[in-house]
Amino acid sequence: MSGIFDKLKDVGKDALGTFLVLDEDGNELPADRTLAAPAGGPARSAAAPASAGAGAPDVSMPAPGAAPDPEFVQQLHAAVDASGKTAYTQFKALFAALSAVGDEGTRTQLALSAAQASHGIGAAQVAAAIDDRLKILAGEKASFDAAVKEETDHSVGGTLAQMEKTRAEITRKIEEIKALEAKAAELDRTAREARATIDANSARFAASHAVVEAELTAERARVAPFLSPAK
């Protein structure tokens, strides 16, 4: 199953690299990677073996849009084929040899009869061999799920942590902007008040200047007739 785990990690690395690349100190570095589409993994769940005479077991189908990965299927087959219970392998070979029999029930019965005659195994041994393979398959799924969790914690978790850090930085910048806007408004108010004070003082000075100038001009006019003519 190392191939499945390697593929999972490769997809996780692509997903993480799409959003961020971290240096040794955990800081974000520029990244320019394209997210690889993850290959669909096997989504079947192990079903309990059907009892004699019962219909086919209910098998979970892949999620909509997901397609079985031939490589995953091959590796899962290789894992379950490592079962030490060979009754199923012997039955399967006999069942395949009876492909000319059209009725599946009859074909199964003939294959079981042939297995009993040639190998001394019956339906119980075949079912036990299938159960052993289902157990192995369940173990493979558990290992895969654990790998998914580990990779999710690493890649998705790392991305989400960086996203939260970025959001916190945005919040901090917004607060800084608000503080600067408040400071700018206060400076504007102070400037307008200073300008109003200056304008008021200038107006009072101009009025005062006009009064004194008028007084002096009147005095000058009163004295003017008594001035000696200029030689």
C-alpha atoms as a PDB file:
ATOM      1  CA  MET A   1       0.000   0.000   0.000  1.00  0.00           C
ATOM      2  CA  SER A   2       3.024   2.329  -0.016  1.00  0.00           C
ATOM      3  CA  GLY A   3       2.061   3.436  -3.518  1.00  0.00           C
ATOM      4  CA  ILE A   4      -1.353   4.609  -2.319  1.00  0.00           C
ATOM      5  CA  PHE A   5       0.166   6.524   0.584  1.00  0.00           C
ATOM      6  CA  ASP A   6       2.806   8.084  -1.691  1.00  0.00           C
ATOM      7  CA  LYS A   7       0.108   9.259  -4.089  1.00  0.00           C
ATOM      8  CA  LEU A   8      -1.892  10.679  -1.191  1.00  0.00           C
ATOM      9  CA  LYS A   9       1.161  12.591   0.081  1.00  0.00           C
ATOM     10  CA  ASP A  10       1.953  13.873  -3.400  1.00  0.00           C
ATOM     11  CA  VAL A  11      -1.567  15.268  -3.690  1.00  0.00           C
ATOM     12  CA  GLY A  12      -1.272  16.763  -0.217  1.00  0.00           C
ATOM     13  CA  LYS A  13       2.018  18.430  -1.125  1.00  0.00           C
ATOM     14  CA  ASP A  14       0.449  19.880  -4.258  1.00  0.00           C
ATOM     15  CA  ALA A  15      -2.503  21.165  -2.266  1.00  0.00           C
ATOM     16  CA  LEU A  16      -0.263  22.749   0.362  1.00  0.00           C
ATOM     17  CA  GLY A  17       2.100  24.190  -2.212  1.00  0.00           C
ATOM     18  CA  THR A  18      -0.779  25.830  -4.032  1.00  0.00           C
ATOM     19  CA  PHE A  19      -1.503  28.100  -1.087  1.00  0.00           C
ATOM     20  CA  LEU A  20       1.783  28.527   0.737  1.00  0.00           C
ATOM     21  CA  VAL A  21       5.357  27.424   1.066  1.00  0.00           C
ATOM     22  CA  LEU A  22       6.914  27.685   4.478  1.00  0.00           C
ATOM     23  CA  ASP A  23      10.587  28.147   5.285  1.00  0.00           C
ATOM     24  CA  GLU A  24      12.376  26.518   8.209  1.00  0.00           C
ATOM     25  CA  ASP A  25      10.983  29.119  10.603  1.00  0.00           C
ATOM     26  CA  GLY A  26       7.388  28.578   9.441  1.00  0.00           C
ATOM     27  CA  ASN A  27       7.241  31.833   7.458  1.00  0.00           C
ATOM     28  CA  GLU A  28       5.417  31.986   4.153  1.00  0.00           C
ATOM     29  CA  LEU A  29       7.446  32.068   0.945  1.00  0.00           C
ATOM     30  CA  PRO A  30       6.113  32.824  -2.550  1.00  0.00           C
ATOM     31  CA  ALA A  31       4.661  29.767  -4.259  1.00  0.00           C
ATOM     32  CA  ASP A  32       3.781  29.264  -7.917  1.00  0.00           C
ATOM     33  CA  ARG A  33       2.295  25.831  -8.234  1.00  0.00           C
ATOM     34  CA  THR A  34      -0.842  24.438  -9.795  1.00  0.00           C
ATOM     35  CA  LEU A  35      -3.096  22.237  -7.722  1.00  0.00           C
ATOM     36  CA  ALA A  36      -3.112  18.733  -9.073  1.00  0.00           C
ATOM     37  CA  ALA A  37      -6.504  17.108  -9.314  1.00  0.00           C
ATOM     38  CA  PRO A  38      -6.534  14.271  -6.777  1.00  0.00           C
ATOM     39  CA  ALA A  39      -7.078  10.877  -8.210  1.00  0.00           C
ATOM     40  CA  GLY A  40     -10.253   9.181  -7.027  1.00  0.00           C
ATOM     41  CA  GLY A  41      -9.494   6.571  -4.415  1.00  0.00           C
ATOM     42  CA  PRO A  42     -11.364   3.374  -3.719  1.00  0.00           C
ATOM     43  CA  ALA A  43     -14.552   4.198  -1.874  1.00  0.00           C
ATOM     44  CA  ARG A  44     -15.987   0.749  -1.319  1.00  0.00           C
ATOM     45  CA  SER A  45     -16.643  -0.279   2.243  1.00  0.00           C
ATOM     46  CA  ALA A  46     -16.281  -3.835   3.434  1.00  0.00           C
ATOM     47  CA  ALA A  47     -19.664  -5.528   3.461  1.00  0.00           C
ATOM     48  CA  ALA A  48     -20.596  -8.517   5.587  1.00  0.00           C
ATOM     49  CA  PRO A  49     -20.636 -11.793   3.637  1.00  0.00           C
ATOM     50  CA  ALA A  50     -24.047 -12.815   2.360  1.00  0.00           C
ATOM     51  CA  SER A  51     -25.658 -15.808   4.006  1.00  0.00           C
ATOM     52  CA  ALA A  52     -26.495 -18.848   1.932  1.00  0.00           C
ATOM     53  CA  GLY A  53     -29.450 -18.167  -0.346  1.00  0.00           C
ATOM     54  CA  ALA A  54     -29.405 -14.408   0.329  1.00  0.00           C
ATOM     55  CA  GLY A  55     -29.032 -11.790  -2.375  1.00  0.00           C
ATOM     56  CA  ALA A  56     -25.846  -9.877  -3.151  1.00  0.00           C
ATOM     57  CA  PRO A  57     -24.532  -7.809  -0.208  1.00  0.00           C
ATOM     58  CA  ASP A  58     -25.146  -4.067  -0.212  1.00  0.00           C
ATOM     59  CA  VAL A  59     -21.876  -2.504  -1.351  1.00  0.00           C
ATOM     60  CA  SER A  60     -21.252   1.225  -0.969  1.00  0.00           C
ATOM     61  CA  MET A  61     -20.565   2.958  -4.252  1.00  0.00           C
ATOM     62  CA  PRO A  62     -18.005   5.736  -4.783  1.00  0.00           C
ATOM     63  CA  ALA A  63     -19.120   9.272  -4.121  1.00  0.00           C
ATOM     64  CA  PRO A  64     -20.740  11.025  -7.111  1.00  0.00           C
ATOM     65  CA  GLY A  65     -18.075  12.231  -9.481  1.00  0.00           C
ATOM     66  CA  ALA A  66     -15.400   9.887  -8.103  1.00  0.00           C
ATOM     67  CA  ALA A  67     -13.956   7.171 -10.294  1.00  0.00           C
ATOM     68  CA  PRO A  68     -12.009   4.122  -9.124  1.00  0.00           C
ATOM     69  CA  ASP A  69      -8.262   4.516  -9.512  1.00  0.00           C
ATOM     70  CA  PRO A  70      -6.893   1.498 -11.426  1.00  0.00           C
ATOM     71  CA  GLU A  71      -3.647   1.694  -9.447  1.00  0.00           C
ATOM     72  CA  PHE A  72      -5.503   1.699  -6.124  1.00  0.00           C
ATOM     73  CA  VAL A  73      -7.693  -1.204  -7.266  1.00  0.00           C
ATOM     74  CA  GLN A  74      -4.617  -3.186  -8.313  1.00  0.00           C
ATOM     75  CA  GLN A  75      -2.857  -2.582  -5.017  1.00  0.00           C
ATOM     76  CA  LEU A  76      -5.935  -3.467  -2.979  1.00  0.00           C
ATOM     77  CA  HIS A  77      -6.327  -6.686  -4.956  1.00  0.00           C
ATOM     78  CA  ALA A  78      -2.679  -7.467  -4.289  1.00  0.00           C
ATOM     79  CA  ALA A  79      -3.203  -6.855  -0.574  1.00  0.00           C
ATOM     80  CA  VAL A  80      -6.254  -9.145  -0.252  1.00  0.00           C
ATOM     81  CA  ASP A  81      -4.693 -11.805  -2.486  1.00  0.00           C
ATOM     82  CA  ALA A  82      -1.989 -12.155   0.163  1.00  0.00           C
ATOM     83  CA  SER A  83      -4.561 -13.903   2.354  1.00  0.00           C
ATOM     84  CA  GLY A  84      -3.398 -17.280   3.576  1.00  0.00           C
ATOM     85  CA  LYS A  85      -6.860 -18.795   3.027  1.00  0.00           C
ATOM     86  CA  THR A  86      -6.759 -20.260  -0.482  1.00  0.00           C
ATOM     87  CA  ALA A  87     -10.310 -21.630  -0.632  1.00  0.00           C
ATOM     88  CA  TYR A  88     -11.589 -18.522  -2.378  1.00  0.00           C
ATOM     89  CA  THR A  89      -8.803 -18.630  -4.991  1.00  0.00           C
ATOM     90  CA  GLN A  90      -9.591 -22.260  -5.768  1.00  0.00           C
ATOM     91  CA  PHE A  91     -13.326 -21.560  -5.948  1.00  0.00           C
ATOM     92  CA  LYS A  92     -12.784 -18.520  -8.178  1.00  0.00           C
ATOM     93  CA  ALA A  93     -10.711 -20.564 -10.628  1.00  0.00           C
ATOM     94  CA  LEU A  94     -13.408 -23.225 -10.856  1.00  0.00           C
ATOM     95  CA  PHE A  95     -16.136 -20.577 -11.182  1.00  0.00           C
ATOM     96  CA  ALA A  96     -14.232 -18.959 -14.069  1.00  0.00           C
ATOM     97  CA  ALA A  97     -13.811 -22.341 -15.750  1.00  0.00           C
ATOM     98  CA  LEU A  98     -17.605 -22.776 -15.773  1.00  0.00           C
ATOM     99  CA  SER A  99     -18.229 -19.582 -17.758  1.00  0.00           C
ATOM    100  CA  ALA A 100     -20.322 -21.546 -20.252  1.00  0.00           C
ATOM    101  CA  VAL A 101     -23.018 -22.010 -17.590  1.00  0.00           C
ATOM    102  CA  GLY A 102     -25.434 -19.114 -18.040  1.00  0.00           C
ATOM    103  CA  ASP A 103     -27.307 -19.287 -14.737  1.00  0.00           C
ATOM    104  CA  GLU A 104     -25.174 -17.773 -11.983  1.00  0.00           C
ATOM    105  CA  GLY A 105     -26.756 -19.802  -9.190  1.00  0.00           C
ATOM    106  CA  THR A 106     -26.205 -23.047 -11.051  1.00  0.00           C
ATOM    107  CA  ARG A 107     -22.675 -21.992 -11.943  1.00  0.00           C
ATOM    108  CA  THR A 108     -21.906 -21.216  -8.282  1.00  0.00           C
ATOM    109  CA  GLN A 109     -23.336 -24.540  -7.118  1.00  0.00           C
ATOM    110  CA  LEU A 110     -21.326 -26.456  -9.713  1.00  0.00           C
ATOM    111  CA  ALA A 111     -18.143 -24.576  -8.758  1.00  0.00           C
ATOM    112  CA  LEU A 112     -18.689 -25.369  -5.057  1.00  0.00           C
ATOM    113  CA  SER A 113     -19.344 -29.019  -5.888  1.00  0.00           C
ATOM    114  CA  ALA A 114     -16.173 -29.154  -7.947  1.00  0.00           C
ATOM    115  CA  ALA A 115     -14.205 -27.463  -5.150  1.00  0.00           C
ATOM    116  CA  GLN A 116     -15.531 -30.012  -2.668  1.00  0.00           C
ATOM    117  CA  ALA A 117     -14.620 -32.887  -4.974  1.00  0.00           C
ATOM    118  CA  SER A 118     -11.178 -31.638  -5.995  1.00  0.00           C
ATOM    119  CA  HIS A 119      -9.977 -29.723  -2.933  1.00  0.00           C
ATOM    120  CA  GLY A 120     -12.255 -30.895  -0.145  1.00  0.00           C
ATOM    121  CA  ILE A 121     -13.577 -27.392   0.501  1.00  0.00           C
ATOM    122  CA  GLY A 122     -17.181 -26.252   0.745  1.00  0.00           C
ATOM    123  CA  ALA A 123     -19.170 -23.011   0.891  1.00  0.00           C
ATOM    124  CA  ALA A 124     -18.154 -22.411   4.528  1.00  0.00           C
ATOM    125  CA  GLN A 125     -14.438 -22.479   3.706  1.00  0.00           C
ATOM    126  CA  VAL A 126     -14.957 -20.204   0.680  1.00  0.00           C
ATOM    127  CA  ALA A 127     -16.974 -17.743   2.779  1.00  0.00           C
ATOM    128  CA  ALA A 128     -14.283 -17.814   5.493  1.00  0.00           C
ATOM    129  CA  ALA A 129     -11.626 -17.065   2.870  1.00  0.00           C
ATOM    130  CA  ILE A 130     -13.696 -14.130   1.585  1.00  0.00           C
ATOM    131  CA  ASP A 131     -14.189 -12.891   5.165  1.00  0.00           C
ATOM    132  CA  ASP A 132     -10.425 -12.976   5.666  1.00  0.00           C
ATOM    133  CA  ARG A 133      -9.962 -10.851   2.563  1.00  0.00           C
ATOM    134  CA  LEU A 134     -12.621  -8.410   3.732  1.00  0.00           C
ATOM    135  CA  LYS A 135     -10.763  -8.139   7.024  1.00  0.00           C
ATOM    136  CA  ILE A 136      -7.534  -7.380   5.165  1.00  0.00           C
ATOM    137  CA  LEU A 137      -9.384  -4.851   3.012  1.00  0.00           C
ATOM    138  CA  ALA A 138     -10.802  -3.184   6.116  1.00  0.00           C
ATOM    139  CA  GLY A 139      -7.276  -2.947   7.514  1.00  0.00           C
ATOM    140  CA  GLU A 140      -6.099  -1.305   4.297  1.00  0.00           C
ATOM    141  CA  LYS A 141      -8.921   1.226   4.567  1.00  0.00           C
ATOM    142  CA  ALA A 142      -8.066   1.946   8.195  1.00  0.00           C
ATOM    143  CA  SER A 143      -4.430   2.539   7.235  1.00  0.00           C
ATOM    144  CA  PHE A 144      -5.484   4.757   4.353  1.00  0.00           C
ATOM    145  CA  ASP A 145      -7.870   6.747   6.578  1.00  0.00           C
ATOM    146  CA  ALA A 146      -5.057   7.267   9.094  1.00  0.00           C
ATOM    147  CA  ALA A 147      -2.783   8.473   6.292  1.00  0.00           C
ATOM    148  CA  VAL A 148      -5.528  10.810   5.060  1.00  0.00           C
ATOM    149  CA  LYS A 149      -5.897  12.281   8.547  1.00  0.00           C
ATOM    150  CA  GLU A 150      -2.158  12.759   8.922  1.00  0.00           C
ATOM    151  CA  GLU A 151      -1.846  14.387   5.508  1.00  0.00           C
ATOM    152  CA  THR A 152      -4.931  16.542   6.146  1.00  0.00           C
ATOM    153  CA  ASP A 153      -3.514  17.736   9.465  1.00  0.00           C
ATOM    154  CA  HIS A 154      -0.248  18.599   7.708  1.00  0.00           C
ATOM    155  CA  SER A 155      -1.380  20.175   4.428  1.00  0.00           C
ATOM    156  CA  VAL A 156      -4.928  21.407   5.056  1.00  0.00           C
ATOM    157  CA  GLY A 157      -4.215  22.200   8.698  1.00  0.00           C
ATOM    158  CA  GLY A 158      -1.082  24.130   7.751  1.00  0.00           C
ATOM    159  CA  THR A 159      -2.961  26.095   5.108  1.00  0.00           C
ATOM    160  CA  LEU A 160      -5.799  26.924   7.490  1.00  0.00           C
ATOM    161  CA  ALA A 161      -3.328  28.034  10.162  1.00  0.00           C
ATOM    162  CA  GLN A 162      -1.648  30.339   7.651  1.00  0.00           C
ATOM    163  CA  MET A 163      -5.056  31.621   6.566  1.00  0.00           C
ATOM    164  CA  GLU A 164      -5.979  32.446  10.169  1.00  0.00           C
ATOM    165  CA  LYS A 165      -2.624  34.185  10.591  1.00  0.00           C
ATOM    166  CA  THR A 166      -3.338  36.220   7.460  1.00  0.00           C
ATOM    167  CA  ARG A 167      -6.818  37.112   8.687  1.00  0.00           C
ATOM    168  CA  ALA A 168      -5.376  38.242  12.006  1.00  0.00           C
ATOM    169  CA  GLU A 169      -2.893  40.396  10.103  1.00  0.00           C
ATOM    170  CA  ILE A 170      -5.762  41.877   8.061  1.00  0.00           C
ATOM    171  CA  THR A 171      -7.659  42.656  11.277  1.00  0.00           C
ATOM    172  CA  ARG A 172      -4.553  44.312  12.725  1.00  0.00           C
ATOM    173  CA  LYS A 173      -4.075  46.393   9.581  1.00  0.00           C
ATOM    174  CA  ILE A 174      -7.744  47.427   9.640  1.00  0.00           C
ATOM    175  CA  GLU A 175      -7.372  48.578  13.249  1.00  0.00           C
ATOM    176  CA  GLU A 176      -4.231  50.511  12.290  1.00  0.00           C
ATOM    177  CA  ILE A 177      -6.095  52.153   9.404  1.00  0.00           C
ATOM    178  CA  LYS A 178      -8.983  53.082  11.706  1.00  0.00           C
ATOM    179  CA  ALA A 179      -6.521  54.593  14.182  1.00  0.00           C
ATOM    180  CA  LEU A 180      -4.817  56.554  11.392  1.00  0.00           C
ATOM    181  CA  GLU A 181      -8.189  57.751  10.095  1.00  0.00           C
ATOM    182  CA  ALA A 182      -9.119  58.931  13.595  1.00  0.00           C
ATOM    183  CA  LYS A 183      -5.759  60.692  13.920  1.00  0.00           C
ATOM    184  CA  ALA A 184      -6.213  62.322  10.502  1.00  0.00           C
ATOM    185  CA  ALA A 185      -9.695  63.506  11.504  1.00  0.00           C
ATOM    186  CA  GLU A 186      -8.309  64.970  14.749  1.00  0.00           C
ATOM    187  CA  LEU A 187      -5.506  66.720  12.870  1.00  0.00           C
ATOM    188  CA  ASP A 188      -8.029  68.096  10.395  1.00  0.00           C
ATOM    189  CA  ARG A 189     -10.188  69.393  13.247  1.00  0.00           C
ATOM    190  CA  THR A 190      -7.138  70.977  14.904  1.00  0.00           C
ATOM    191  CA  ALA A 191      -6.055  72.570  11.619  1.00  0.00           C
ATOM    192  CA  ARG A 192      -9.542  73.967  10.990  1.00  0.00           C
ATOM    193  CA  GLU A 193      -9.716  75.358  14.532  1.00  0.00           C
ATOM    194  CA  ALA A 194      -6.265  76.930  14.122  1.00  0.00           C
ATOM    195  CA  ARG A 195      -7.271  78.412  10.781  1.00  0.00           C
ATOM    196  CA  ALA A 196     -10.471  79.808  12.278  1.00  0.00           C
ATOM    197  CA  THR A 197      -8.521  81.364  15.146  1.00  0.00           C
ATOM    198  CA  ILE A 198      -5.981  82.883  12.761  1.00  0.00           C
ATOM    199  CA  ASP A 199      -8.713  84.205  10.474  1.00  0.00           C
ATOM    200  CA  ALA A 200     -10.587  85.695  13.457  1.00  0.00           C
ATOM    201  CA  ASN A 201      -7.431  87.368  14.771  1.00  0.00           C
ATOM    202  CA  SER A 202      -6.609  88.638  11.293  1.00  0.00           C
ATOM    203  CA  ALA A 203     -10.106  90.099  10.951  1.00  0.00           C
ATOM    204  CA  ARG A 204      -9.894  91.802  14.358  1.00  0.00           C
ATOM    205  CA  PHE A 205      -6.483  93.185  13.517  1.00  0.00           C
ATOM    206  CA  ALA A 206      -7.693  94.507  10.194  1.00  0.00           C
ATOM    207  CA  ALA A 207     -10.675  96.177  11.888  1.00  0.00           C
ATOM    208  CA  SER A 208      -8.446  97.637  14.603  1.00  0.00           C
ATOM    209  CA  HIS A 209      -5.947  98.821  12.010  1.00  0.00           C
ATOM    210  CA  ALA A 210      -8.733 100.539  10.115  1.00  0.00           C
ATOM    211  CA  VAL A 211      -9.895 102.356  13.254  1.00  0.00           C
ATOM    212  CA  VAL A 212      -6.448 103.682  14.136  1.00  0.00           C
ATOM    213  CA  GLU A 213      -5.687 104.500  10.521  1.00  0.00           C
ATOM    214  CA  ALA A 214      -8.945 106.442  10.260  1.00  0.00           C
ATOM    215  CA  GLU A 215      -8.190 108.345  13.435  1.00  0.00           C
ATOM    216  CA  LEU A 216      -4.704 109.299  12.287  1.00  0.00           C
ATOM    217  CA  THR A 217      -5.939 110.188   8.818  1.00  0.00           C
ATOM    218  CA  ALA A 218      -8.567 112.496  10.349  1.00  0.00           C
ATOM    219  CA  GLU A 219      -5.961 114.132  12.589  1.00  0.00           C
ATOM    220  CA  ARG A 220      -3.676 114.585   9.590  1.00  0.00           C
ATOM    221  CA  ALA A 221      -6.463 116.219   7.650  1.00  0.00           C
ATOM    222  CA  ARG A 222      -7.183 118.589  10.561  1.00  0.00           C
ATOM    223  CA  VAL A 223      -3.577 119.714  10.787  1.00  0.00           C
ATOM    224  CA  ALA A 224      -2.988 119.881   7.050  1.00  0.00           C
ATOM    225  CA  PRO A 225      -4.395 123.448   6.510  1.00  0.00           C
ATOM    226  CA  PHE A 226      -1.904 124.876   8.915  1.00  0.00           C
ATOM    227  CA  LEU A 227       1.132 123.416   7.302  1.00  0.00           C
ATOM    228  CA  SER A 228       3.567 125.807   5.607  1.00  0.00           C
ATOM    229  CA  PRO A 229       3.651 125.447   1.889  1.00  0.00           C
ATOM    230  CA  ALA A 230       6.450 123.382   0.736  1.00  0.00           C
ATOM    231  CA  LYS A 231       9.264 125.427  -0.834  1.00  0.00           C
END
